[in-house]
C-alpha atoms as a PDB file:
ATOM      1  CA  MET A   1      59.595 108.690 229.274  1.00  0.00           C
ATOM      2  CA  ARG A   2      57.820 111.927 228.400  1.00  0.00           C
ATOM      3  CA  THR A   3      59.242 111.891 224.851  1.00  0.00           C
ATOM      4  CA  GLN A   4      58.139 108.282 224.361  1.00  0.00           C
ATOM      5  CA  ASP A   5      54.641 109.155 225.571  1.00  0.00           C
ATOM      6  CA  ILE A   6      54.469 112.112 223.180  1.00  0.00           C
ATOM      7  CA  ASP A   7      55.673 110.001 220.243  1.00  0.00           C
ATOM      8  CA  ALA A   8      53.151 107.267 221.011  1.00  0.00           C
ATOM      9  CA  GLU A   9      50.376 109.831 221.300  1.00  0.00           C
ATOM     10  CA  TRP A  10      51.108 111.302 217.875  1.00  0.00           C
ATOM     11  CA  GLN A  11      51.271 107.822 216.345  1.00  0.00           C
ATOM     12  CA  ALA A  12      47.871 107.019 217.857  1.00  0.00           C
ATOM     13  CA  LEU A  13      46.401 110.190 216.392  1.00  0.00           C
ATOM     14  CA  LEU A  14      47.759 109.338 212.945  1.00  0.00           C
ATOM     15  CA  ALA A  15      46.349 105.812 213.212  1.00  0.00           C
ATOM     16  CA  ALA A  16      42.971 107.258 214.237  1.00  0.00           C
ATOM     17  CA  ARG A  17      43.030 109.589 211.231  1.00  0.00           C
ATOM     18  CA  ASP A  18      41.404 106.985 209.015  1.00  0.00           C
ATOM     19  CA  GLY A  19      39.877 104.776 211.670  1.00  0.00           C
ATOM     20  CA  GLY A  20      42.907 102.507 212.012  1.00  0.00           C
ATOM     21  CA  ALA A  21      42.934 102.548 215.801  1.00  0.00           C
ATOM     22  CA  ALA A  22      40.900 103.603 218.794  1.00  0.00           C
ATOM     23  CA  SER A  23      40.096 107.278 218.602  1.00  0.00           C
ATOM     24  CA  ALA A  24      42.152 109.882 220.382  1.00  0.00           C
ATOM     25  CA  ALA A  25      39.022 110.940 222.231  1.00  0.00           C
ATOM     26  CA  ASP A  26      38.652 107.418 223.640  1.00  0.00           C
ATOM     27  CA  ALA A  27      42.260 107.469 224.760  1.00  0.00           C
ATOM     28  CA  ARG A  28      41.876 110.741 226.652  1.00  0.00           C
ATOM     29  CA  GLY A  29      38.218 110.704 227.620  1.00  0.00           C
ATOM     30  CA  GLN A  30      35.907 112.954 225.609  1.00  0.00           C
ATOM     31  CA  PRO A  31      37.477 116.333 224.831  1.00  0.00           C
ATOM     32  CA  ASP A  32      34.240 117.688 223.347  1.00  0.00           C
ATOM     33  CA  ALA A  33      32.467 117.233 226.650  1.00  0.00           C
ATOM     34  CA  ARG A  34      34.662 119.971 228.097  1.00  0.00           C
ATOM     35  CA  SER A  35      35.114 122.111 224.992  1.00  0.00           C
ATOM     36  CA  GLY A  36      32.276 124.462 225.857  1.00  0.00           C
ATOM     37  CA  VAL A  37      33.925 125.689 229.064  1.00  0.00           C
ATOM     38  CA  ARG A  38      34.929 129.267 228.339  1.00  0.00           C
ATOM     39  CA  GLY A  39      38.521 130.066 229.142  1.00  0.00           C
ATOM     40  CA  ARG A  40      39.591 126.573 230.167  1.00  0.00           C
ATOM     41  CA  THR A  41      43.403 126.480 230.066  1.00  0.00           C
ATOM     42  CA  VAL A  42      45.133 123.302 228.942  1.00  0.00           C
ATOM     43  CA  ALA A  43      48.761 122.220 229.363  1.00  0.00           C
ATOM     44  CA  PRO A  44      51.442 123.810 227.115  1.00  0.00           C
ATOM     45  CA  LEU A  45      51.435 122.567 223.534  1.00  0.00           C
ATOM     46  CA  MET A  46      54.730 122.075 221.694  1.00  0.00           C
ATOM     47  CA  ALA A  47      56.865 119.135 220.685  1.00  0.00           C
ATOM     48  CA  HIS A  48      58.870 117.520 217.926  1.00  0.00           C
ATOM     49  CA  ASP A  49      57.179 114.535 216.288  1.00  0.00           C
ATOM     50  CA  ALA A  50      59.112 111.299 215.966  1.00  0.00           C
ATOM     51  CA  ALA A  51      58.563 108.379 213.600  1.00  0.00           C
ATOM     52  CA  ALA A  52      54.968 107.519 212.805  1.00  0.00           C
ATOM     53  CA  PRO A  53      53.383 104.468 211.158  1.00  0.00           C
ATOM     54  CA  THR A  54      52.730 104.518 207.450  1.00  0.00           C
ATOM     55  CA  ILE A  55      49.140 105.438 206.620  1.00  0.00           C
ATOM     56  CA  ALA A  56      47.380 105.136 203.289  1.00  0.00           C
ATOM     57  CA  ARG A  57      44.140 106.717 202.106  1.00  0.00           C
ATOM     58  CA  ASN A  58      42.152 105.577 199.103  1.00  0.00           C
ATOM     59  CA  GLY A  59      44.103 106.678 196.058  1.00  0.00           C
ATOM     60  CA  ALA A  60      46.200 109.233 197.945  1.00  0.00           C
ATOM     61  CA  GLU A  61      49.967 109.458 197.890  1.00  0.00           C
ATOM     62  CA  PRO A  62      51.849 107.179 200.340  1.00  0.00           C
ATOM     63  CA  SER A  63      52.409 108.705 203.735  1.00  0.00           C
ATOM     64  CA  LEU A  64      55.732 109.064 205.437  1.00  0.00           C
ATOM     65  CA  GLY A  65      57.062 106.025 207.240  1.00  0.00           C
ATOM     66  CA  PRO A  66      59.576 105.952 210.111  1.00  0.00           C
ATOM     67  CA  ARG A  67      62.630 106.149 207.854  1.00  0.00           C
ATOM     68  CA  ASP A  68      61.109 109.069 205.936  1.00  0.00           C
ATOM     69  CA  CYS A  69      60.327 111.144 209.002  1.00  0.00           C
ATOM     70  CA  PRO A  70      61.317 114.784 208.391  1.00  0.00           C
ATOM     71  CA  GLN A  71      63.240 116.632 211.028  1.00  0.00           C
ATOM     72  CA  ALA A  72      61.584 119.611 212.659  1.00  0.00           C
ATOM     73  CA  THR A  73      63.473 122.837 213.002  1.00  0.00           C
ATOM     74  CA  GLN A  74      65.895 122.981 215.938  1.00  0.00           C
ATOM     75  CA  SER A  75      63.815 125.640 217.650  1.00  0.00           C
ATOM     76  CA  ALA A  76      60.715 123.429 217.461  1.00  0.00           C
ATOM     77  CA  ARG A  77      62.618 120.350 218.702  1.00  0.00           C
ATOM     78  CA  ASP A  78      63.783 122.181 221.797  1.00  0.00           C
ATOM     79  CA  LEU A  79      60.260 123.076 222.945  1.00  0.00           C
ATOM     80  CA  ALA A  80      58.585 120.796 225.501  1.00  0.00           C
ATOM     81  CA  TRP A  81      54.989 120.242 226.506  1.00  0.00           C
ATOM     82  CA  VAL A  82      52.891 117.872 228.580  1.00  0.00           C
ATOM     83  CA  PRO A  83      51.895 114.441 227.174  1.00  0.00           C
ATOM     84  CA  GLY A  84      48.169 114.177 226.560  1.00  0.00           C
ATOM     85  CA  THR A  85      47.761 117.673 225.150  1.00  0.00           C
ATOM     86  CA  LEU A  86      47.780 116.546 221.517  1.00  0.00           C
ATOM     87  CA  SER A  87      44.898 114.148 222.052  1.00  0.00           C
ATOM     88  CA  ASP A  88      42.994 116.769 224.012  1.00  0.00           C
ATOM     89  CA  LEU A  89      43.354 119.295 221.203  1.00  0.00           C
ATOM     90  CA  PHE A  90      43.040 117.106 218.116  1.00  0.00           C
ATOM     91  CA  GLY A  91      40.445 114.630 219.403  1.00  0.00           C
ATOM     92  CA  PRO A  92      37.577 116.885 218.234  1.00  0.00           C
ATOM     93  CA  ILE A  93      39.204 117.251 214.801  1.00  0.00           C
ATOM     94  CA  LEU A  94      39.191 113.458 214.423  1.00  0.00           C
ATOM     95  CA  ALA A  95      35.563 113.083 215.522  1.00  0.00           C
ATOM     96  CA  PRO A  96      33.164 111.642 212.914  1.00  0.00           C
ATOM     97  CA  PRO A  97      31.380 114.172 210.691  1.00  0.00           C
ATOM     98  CA  VAL A  98      27.857 115.094 211.787  1.00  0.00           C
ATOM     99  CA  ALA A  99      26.929 117.622 209.085  1.00  0.00           C
ATOM    100  CA  GLN A 100      24.772 116.501 206.174  1.00  0.00           C
ATOM    101  CA  ASP A 101      27.585 117.183 203.695  1.00  0.00           C
ATOM    102  CA  GLY A 102      29.627 114.390 205.337  1.00  0.00           C
ATOM    103  CA  CYS A 103      32.623 116.599 206.195  1.00  0.00           C
ATOM    104  CA  ARG A 104      34.390 117.644 209.372  1.00  0.00           C
ATOM    105  CA  VAL A 105      35.843 121.117 208.770  1.00  0.00           C
ATOM    106  CA  ALA A 106      38.442 122.960 210.852  1.00  0.00           C
ATOM    107  CA  GLY A 107      39.575 126.524 210.203  1.00  0.00           C
ATOM    108  CA  ARG A 108      42.764 128.142 211.446  1.00  0.00           C
ATOM    109  CA  LEU A 109      44.262 131.632 211.635  1.00  0.00           C
ATOM    110  CA  CYS A 110      47.287 133.199 213.295  1.00  0.00           C
ATOM    111  CA  GLN A 111      46.835 136.810 214.365  1.00  0.00           C
ATOM    112  CA  THR A 112      48.383 139.595 216.395  1.00  0.00           C
ATOM    113  CA  LEU A 113      46.943 140.838 219.674  1.00  0.00           C
ATOM    114  CA  ASP A 114      45.067 143.492 217.724  1.00  0.00           C
ATOM    115  CA  GLY A 115      43.570 141.029 215.275  1.00  0.00           C
ATOM    116  CA  ARG A 116      45.857 141.400 212.248  1.00  0.00           C
ATOM    117  CA  ILE A 117      47.071 138.511 210.099  1.00  0.00           C
ATOM    118  CA  ALA A 118      49.491 140.563 207.987  1.00  0.00           C
ATOM    119  CA  THR A 119      50.772 144.068 207.432  1.00  0.00           C
ATOM    120  CA  ALA A 120      48.974 146.348 205.004  1.00  0.00           C
ATOM    121  CA  CYS A 121      51.363 145.242 202.243  1.00  0.00           C
ATOM    122  CA  GLY A 122      50.680 141.549 202.967  1.00  0.00           C
ATOM    123  CA  SER A 123      53.751 140.522 204.982  1.00  0.00           C
ATOM    124  CA  SER A 124      52.880 137.805 207.515  1.00  0.00           C
ATOM    125  CA  GLN A 125      56.128 135.856 208.069  1.00  0.00           C
ATOM    126  CA  TRP A 126      56.205 135.249 210.855  1.00  0.00           C
ATOM    127  CA  ILE A 127      53.474 136.488 213.209  1.00  0.00           C
ATOM    128  CA  GLY A 128      53.395 133.247 215.201  1.00  0.00           C
ATOM    129  CA  GLY A 129      56.318 131.378 216.708  1.00  0.00           C
ATOM    130  CA  PRO A 130      57.695 127.940 215.743  1.00  0.00           C
ATOM    131  CA  GLY A 131      54.936 126.235 217.725  1.00  0.00           C
ATOM    132  CA  ASP A 132      52.305 127.702 215.406  1.00  0.00           C
ATOM    133  CA  ILE A 133      54.143 126.379 212.346  1.00  0.00           C
ATOM    134  CA  LEU A 134      54.317 122.934 213.923  1.00  0.00           C
ATOM    135  CA  HIS A 135      50.635 123.102 214.819  1.00  0.00           C
ATOM    136  CA  THR A 136      49.719 123.982 211.234  1.00  0.00           C
ATOM    137  CA  HIS A 137      51.677 121.003 209.884  1.00  0.00           C
ATOM    138  CA  ARG A 138      49.989 118.704 212.401  1.00  0.00           C
ATOM    139  CA  LEU A 139      46.583 119.853 211.199  1.00  0.00           C
ATOM    140  CA  ARG A 140      47.638 119.155 207.621  1.00  0.00           C
ATOM    141  CA  ALA A 141      48.781 115.648 208.559  1.00  0.00           C
ATOM    142  CA  LEU A 142      45.524 114.804 210.351  1.00  0.00           C
ATOM    143  CA  CYS A 143      43.223 116.068 207.584  1.00  0.00           C
ATOM    144  CA  HIS A 144      42.469 114.590 204.186  1.00  0.00           C
ATOM    145  CA  ALA A 145      42.533 117.958 202.420  1.00  0.00           C
ATOM    146  CA  VAL A 146      43.892 121.450 203.063  1.00  0.00           C
ATOM    147  CA  ILE A 147      42.116 124.477 201.564  1.00  0.00           C
ATOM    148  CA  VAL A 148      43.627 127.880 200.842  1.00  0.00           C
ATOM    149  CA  GLY A 149      42.433 130.814 198.784  1.00  0.00           C
ATOM    150  CA  ALA A 150      44.042 132.311 195.699  1.00  0.00           C
ATOM    151  CA  GLY A 151      45.294 135.274 197.729  1.00  0.00           C
ATOM    152  CA  THR A 152      47.370 133.033 199.991  1.00  0.00           C
ATOM    153  CA  VAL A 153      48.904 131.224 197.016  1.00  0.00           C
ATOM    154  CA  ALA A 154      49.675 134.510 195.257  1.00  0.00           C
ATOM    155  CA  ALA A 155      51.260 136.079 198.352  1.00  0.00           C
ATOM    156  CA  ASP A 156      53.130 133.130 199.895  1.00  0.00           C
ATOM    157  CA  ASP A 157      53.513 130.476 197.153  1.00  0.00           C
ATOM    158  CA  PRO A 158      53.104 127.734 199.804  1.00  0.00           C
ATOM    159  CA  ARG A 159      53.798 124.022 199.366  1.00  0.00           C
ATOM    160  CA  LEU A 160      51.114 122.935 201.885  1.00  0.00           C
ATOM    161  CA  THR A 161      52.986 119.772 202.863  1.00  0.00           C
ATOM    162  CA  THR A 162      53.806 118.123 206.202  1.00  0.00           C
ATOM    163  CA  ARG A 163      57.519 118.888 206.241  1.00  0.00           C
ATOM    164  CA  GLU A 164      57.702 119.467 210.010  1.00  0.00           C
ATOM    165  CA  VAL A 165      55.885 116.334 211.192  1.00  0.00           C
ATOM    166  CA  CYS A 166      55.504 112.660 210.388  1.00  0.00           C
ATOM    167  CA  GLY A 167      52.283 111.957 208.584  1.00  0.00           C
ATOM    168  CA  PRO A 168      50.658 112.024 205.138  1.00  0.00           C
ATOM    169  CA  ASN A 169      50.487 115.099 202.974  1.00  0.00           C
ATOM    170  CA  PRO A 170      46.890 116.238 202.435  1.00  0.00           C
ATOM    171  CA  THR A 171      45.294 116.779 199.066  1.00  0.00           C
ATOM    172  CA  ARG A 172      45.662 120.485 198.304  1.00  0.00           C
ATOM    173  CA  ILE A 173      42.500 122.406 197.400  1.00  0.00           C
ATOM    174  CA  ILE A 174      43.061 125.852 195.881  1.00  0.00           C
ATOM    175  CA  LEU A 175      40.064 128.205 195.662  1.00  0.00           C
ATOM    176  CA  ASP A 176      40.469 130.473 192.636  1.00  0.00           C
ATOM    177  CA  PRO A 177      36.951 131.374 191.437  1.00  0.00           C
ATOM    178  CA  THR A 178      38.149 133.917 188.842  1.00  0.00           C
ATOM    179  CA  GLY A 179      41.108 131.896 187.538  1.00  0.00           C
ATOM    180  CA  ARG A 180      43.796 134.464 188.329  1.00  0.00           C
ATOM    181  CA  LEU A 181      46.627 132.159 189.451  1.00  0.00           C
ATOM    182  CA  PRO A 182      49.365 131.193 186.928  1.00  0.00           C
ATOM    183  CA  VAL A 183      50.628 127.635 186.687  1.00  0.00           C
ATOM    184  CA  THR A 184      54.048 128.682 187.983  1.00  0.00           C
ATOM    185  CA  HIS A 185      53.081 128.390 191.675  1.00  0.00           C
ATOM    186  CA  GLN A 186      54.530 125.416 193.556  1.00  0.00           C
ATOM    187  CA  VAL A 187      51.138 123.821 194.217  1.00  0.00           C
ATOM    188  CA  PHE A 188      50.672 123.450 190.452  1.00  0.00           C
ATOM    189  CA  THR A 189      54.159 122.164 189.627  1.00  0.00           C
ATOM    190  CA  GLU A 190      55.218 119.723 192.366  1.00  0.00           C
ATOM    191  CA  GLY A 191      54.201 117.841 195.482  1.00  0.00           C
ATOM    192  CA  PRO A 192      50.991 116.103 196.555  1.00  0.00           C
ATOM    193  CA  PRO A 193      47.778 115.908 194.510  1.00  0.00           C
ATOM    194  CA  THR A 194      46.141 119.283 193.954  1.00  0.00           C
ATOM    195  CA  ILE A 195      42.622 120.335 192.957  1.00  0.00           C
ATOM    196  CA  LEU A 196      41.972 123.817 191.595  1.00  0.00           C
ATOM    197  CA  VAL A 197      38.415 124.974 192.321  1.00  0.00           C
ATOM    198  CA  THR A 198      37.251 127.646 189.892  1.00  0.00           C
ATOM    199  CA  CYS A 199      34.114 129.089 188.319  1.00  0.00           C
ATOM    200  CA  VAL A 200      35.596 129.949 184.907  1.00  0.00           C
ATOM    201  CA  GLY A 201      37.131 128.270 181.880  1.00  0.00           C
ATOM    202  CA  ASP A 202      36.810 124.758 180.513  1.00  0.00           C
ATOM    203  CA  ALA A 203      40.257 123.238 181.147  1.00  0.00           C
ATOM    204  CA  THR A 204      40.509 119.908 182.946  1.00  0.00           C
ATOM    205  CA  HIS A 205      43.957 120.606 184.383  1.00  0.00           C
ATOM    206  CA  HIS A 206      45.944 123.620 185.550  1.00  0.00           C
ATOM    207  CA  GLY A 207      49.574 122.607 185.548  1.00  0.00           C
ATOM    208  CA  SER A 208      49.631 119.336 187.508  1.00  0.00           C
ATOM    209  CA  ALA A 209      46.361 120.189 189.312  1.00  0.00           C
ATOM    210  CA  ARG A 210      42.984 118.773 188.403  1.00  0.00           C
ATOM    211  CA  VAL A 211      40.245 121.366 187.888  1.00  0.00           C
ATOM    212  CA  LEU A 212      36.922 121.231 189.728  1.00  0.00           C
ATOM    213  CA  ARG A 213      34.483 123.698 188.204  1.00  0.00           C
ATOM    214  CA  LEU A 214      31.574 124.994 190.282  1.00  0.00           C
ATOM    215  CA  PRO A 215      28.871 127.564 189.498  1.00  0.00           C
ATOM    216  CA  ALA A 216      29.528 131.206 190.351  1.00  0.00           C
ATOM    217  CA  PRO A 217      29.409 132.592 192.966  1.00  0.00           C
ATOM    218  CA  LEU A 218      31.424 129.838 194.664  1.00  0.00           C
ATOM    219  CA  ASP A 219      29.078 127.655 196.721  1.00  0.00           C
ATOM    220  CA  LEU A 220      31.000 126.358 199.765  1.00  0.00           C
ATOM    221  CA  PRO A 221      28.336 123.860 200.932  1.00  0.00           C
ATOM    222  CA  LEU A 222      28.333 122.399 197.413  1.00  0.00           C
ATOM    223  CA  LEU A 223      32.139 122.252 197.473  1.00  0.00           C
ATOM    224  CA  LEU A 224      32.087 120.236 200.707  1.00  0.00           C
ATOM    225  CA  THR A 225      29.580 117.818 199.191  1.00  0.00           C
ATOM    226  CA  ARG A 226      31.850 117.349 196.169  1.00  0.00           C
ATOM    227  CA  LEU A 227      34.899 116.779 198.375  1.00  0.00           C
ATOM    228  CA  ALA A 228      33.027 114.213 200.459  1.00  0.00           C
ATOM    229  CA  ALA A 229      32.161 112.375 197.232  1.00  0.00           C
ATOM    230  CA  MET A 230      35.930 112.147 196.623  1.00  0.00           C
ATOM    231  CA  ASN A 231      36.347 110.592 200.092  1.00  0.00           C
ATOM    232  CA  LEU A 232      37.935 113.801 201.380  1.00  0.00           C
ATOM    233  CA  THR A 233      35.888 114.287 204.526  1.00  0.00           C
ATOM    234  CA  ARG A 234      38.259 115.855 207.070  1.00  0.00           C
ATOM    235  CA  ILE A 235      38.984 119.344 205.781  1.00  0.00           C
ATOM    236  CA  PHE A 236      41.495 121.914 207.045  1.00  0.00           C
ATOM    237  CA  VAL A 237      40.792 125.497 205.939  1.00  0.00           C
ATOM    238  CA  GLU A 238      44.229 127.012 206.442  1.00  0.00           C
ATOM    239  CA  GLY A 239      43.654 130.498 205.107  1.00  0.00           C
ATOM    240  CA  GLY A 240      43.842 133.217 204.398  1.00  0.00           C
ATOM    241  CA  GLY A 241      41.553 135.412 206.410  1.00  0.00           C
ATOM    242  CA  ILE A 242      39.043 135.998 203.618  1.00  0.00           C
ATOM    243  CA  THR A 243      38.734 132.268 202.906  1.00  0.00           C
ATOM    244  CA  VAL A 244      38.278 131.353 206.581  1.00  0.00           C
ATOM    245  CA  SER A 245      35.762 134.213 206.910  1.00  0.00           C
ATOM    246  CA  ARG A 246      33.749 132.884 203.973  1.00  0.00           C
ATOM    247  CA  PHE A 247      33.554 129.427 205.528  1.00  0.00           C
ATOM    248  CA  LEU A 248      32.518 131.019 208.825  1.00  0.00           C
ATOM    249  CA  ALA A 249      29.852 133.189 207.173  1.00  0.00           C
ATOM    250  CA  ALA A 250      28.484 130.169 205.289  1.00  0.00           C
ATOM    251  CA  GLY A 251      28.200 128.116 208.487  1.00  0.00           C
ATOM    252  CA  CYS A 252      30.737 125.584 207.215  1.00  0.00           C
ATOM    253  CA  LEU A 253      33.169 125.371 210.166  1.00  0.00           C
ATOM    254  CA  ASP A 254      32.962 122.712 212.859  1.00  0.00           C
ATOM    255  CA  ARG A 255      36.063 123.911 214.687  1.00  0.00           C
ATOM    256  CA  LEU A 256      38.189 127.062 214.661  1.00  0.00           C
ATOM    257  CA  HIS A 257      41.782 127.349 215.895  1.00  0.00           C
ATOM    258  CA  VAL A 258      43.138 130.877 216.380  1.00  0.00           C
ATOM    259  CA  THR A 259      46.753 131.452 217.393  1.00  0.00           C
ATOM    260  CA  ILE A 260      47.303 134.819 219.084  1.00  0.00           C
ATOM    261  CA  ALA A 261      50.855 136.157 219.051  1.00  0.00           C
ATOM    262  CA  PRO A 262      52.142 138.837 221.462  1.00  0.00           C
ATOM    263  CA  VAL A 263      52.503 141.358 218.636  1.00  0.00           C
ATOM    264  CA  ILE A 264      50.746 144.709 218.141  1.00  0.00           C
ATOM    265  CA  LEU A 265      50.750 146.184 214.633  1.00  0.00           C
ATOM    266  CA  GLY A 266      48.122 148.921 214.867  1.00  0.00           C
ATOM    267  CA  SER A 267      47.288 148.464 211.188  1.00  0.00           C
ATOM    268  CA  GLY A 268      47.197 145.761 208.580  1.00  0.00           C
ATOM    269  CA  ILE A 269      44.930 143.043 207.202  1.00  0.00           C
ATOM    270  CA  PRO A 270      42.193 141.931 209.656  1.00  0.00           C
ATOM    271  CA  ALA A 271      41.819 138.298 210.638  1.00  0.00           C
ATOM    272  CA  PHE A 272      38.114 138.184 209.798  1.00  0.00           C
ATOM    273  CA  THR A 273      36.221 139.980 207.043  1.00  0.00           C
ATOM    274  CA  LEU A 274      32.432 139.827 207.445  1.00  0.00           C
ATOM    275  CA  PRO A 275      29.485 142.102 206.603  1.00  0.00           C
ATOM    276  CA  GLN A 276      29.382 145.240 208.730  1.00  0.00           C
ATOM    277  CA  ALA A 277      27.751 144.732 212.118  1.00  0.00           C
ATOM    278  CA  SER A 278      25.532 147.409 213.624  1.00  0.00           C
ATOM    279  CA  ARG A 279      25.359 145.846 217.095  1.00  0.00           C
ATOM    280  CA  ILE A 280      27.322 143.334 219.149  1.00  0.00           C
ATOM    281  CA  GLY A 281      24.573 140.755 218.792  1.00  0.00           C
ATOM    282  CA  ASP A 282      25.194 140.631 215.048  1.00  0.00           C
ATOM    283  CA  GLY A 283      28.409 138.722 215.657  1.00  0.00           C
ATOM    284  CA  LEU A 284      29.145 135.213 216.901  1.00  0.00           C
ATOM    285  CA  ARG A 285      30.058 134.630 220.554  1.00  0.00           C
ATOM    286  CA  ALA A 286      31.968 131.347 220.850  1.00  0.00           C
ATOM    287  CA  SER A 287      33.195 129.243 223.733  1.00  0.00           C
ATOM    288  CA  PHE A 288      36.858 128.292 223.747  1.00  0.00           C
ATOM    289  CA  ARG A 289      39.737 126.461 225.370  1.00  0.00           C
ATOM    290  CA  VAL A 290      43.204 127.972 225.773  1.00  0.00           C
ATOM    291  CA  PHE A 291      46.371 126.050 224.914  1.00  0.00           C
ATOM    292  CA  PRO A 292      49.627 127.836 225.879  1.00  0.00           C
ATOM    293  CA  MET A 293      52.040 127.683 222.947  1.00  0.00           C
ATOM    294  CA  ASP A 294      54.928 129.839 224.138  1.00  0.00           C
ATOM    295  CA  PRO A 295      55.263 132.636 223.198  1.00  0.00           C
ATOM    296  CA  ASP A 296      51.765 132.453 221.683  1.00  0.00           C
ATOM    297  CA  ILE A 297      48.435 131.078 222.860  1.00  0.00           C
ATOM    298  CA  LEU A 298      46.056 128.896 220.867  1.00  0.00           C
ATOM    299  CA  LEU A 299      42.274 129.195 221.150  1.00  0.00           C
ATOM    300  CA  ASP A 300      40.266 126.086 220.256  1.00  0.00           C
ATOM    301  CA  MET A 301      36.644 126.993 219.511  1.00  0.00           C
ATOM    302  CA  PRO A 302      33.814 124.511 218.843  1.00  0.00           C
ATOM    303  CA  LEU A 303      31.592 126.239 216.276  1.00  0.00           C
ATOM    304  CA  ASP A 304      29.517 123.236 215.154  1.00  0.00           C
ATOM    305  CA  ARG A 305      28.574 125.015 211.909  1.00  0.00           C
ATOM    306  CA  ALA A 306      27.301 128.116 213.731  1.00  0.00           C
ATOM    307  CA  ARG A 307      27.474 131.386 211.829  1.00  0.00           C
ATOM    308  CA  PRO A 308      27.387 135.058 212.872  1.00  0.00           C
ATOM    309  CA  THR A 309      23.859 136.433 213.259  1.00  0.00           C
ATOM    310  CA  LEU A 310      24.301 138.966 210.457  1.00  0.00           C
ATOM    311  CA  CYS A 311      25.270 136.129 208.067  1.00  0.00           C
ATOM    312  CA  ARG A 312      22.161 134.019 208.621  1.00  0.00           C
END
């Protein structure tokens, strides 16, 4: 019965993605009403996703139907969690946009206990456990677009698809202001629709990706307005740390998910890169909820477009 409840819950979230069913928040109460309680711990969060209904979005690629449902890794399938947790966590992601740009933006990072997202040489696979990978794919499936920076593409050559869950692939948005990425990366040669955002050149395409040219330096509020005009209004900023930090500094994040793994590196690339603070008050103190994701924990933080004091 638990598995059936979990499957039905994920299907309801996918249906709510584009307003096709009652919202996940309605099904579970109002998650946002409790999101400001610091340190609230929610039931464990892990599961394999079963078949989901086909979903279409204006002009986007067809989503996966029940017969197309990819299989999660065995390690992810064997993990169990309590029904209701998905709606509790993702309900705020599916809430209607309230910002003037018309977008709902969620950022995500996975870090060590000492706040590192990679070693000094850039190795990050894998800081988090299988639950974090599954969580990332769920966020992709629930959002219209996924954003990553040029550094992430150069280091990891990601596909940015929803291979581990049932649900539509998001449009892939690659931020490359200086035009340093070659067309040989996977996001430019195969898979779902891709948009390359740059501030240089005059090409209309980069490999299979369409080019969106914006003035330099890259204006993130303007980017969100342009994406909303394309009917891409639920945005997942997946990384890396510099890209998420720029959205945070610009006051462009509604929600922030941070996975913390029980790993200590003692050196490496920091999760957040912001201007130097001279006092604690220069930072941003956020409320959060805790979702156990064995062996990691997930912090869900409602930012509501807040930015660190030193970035205002």
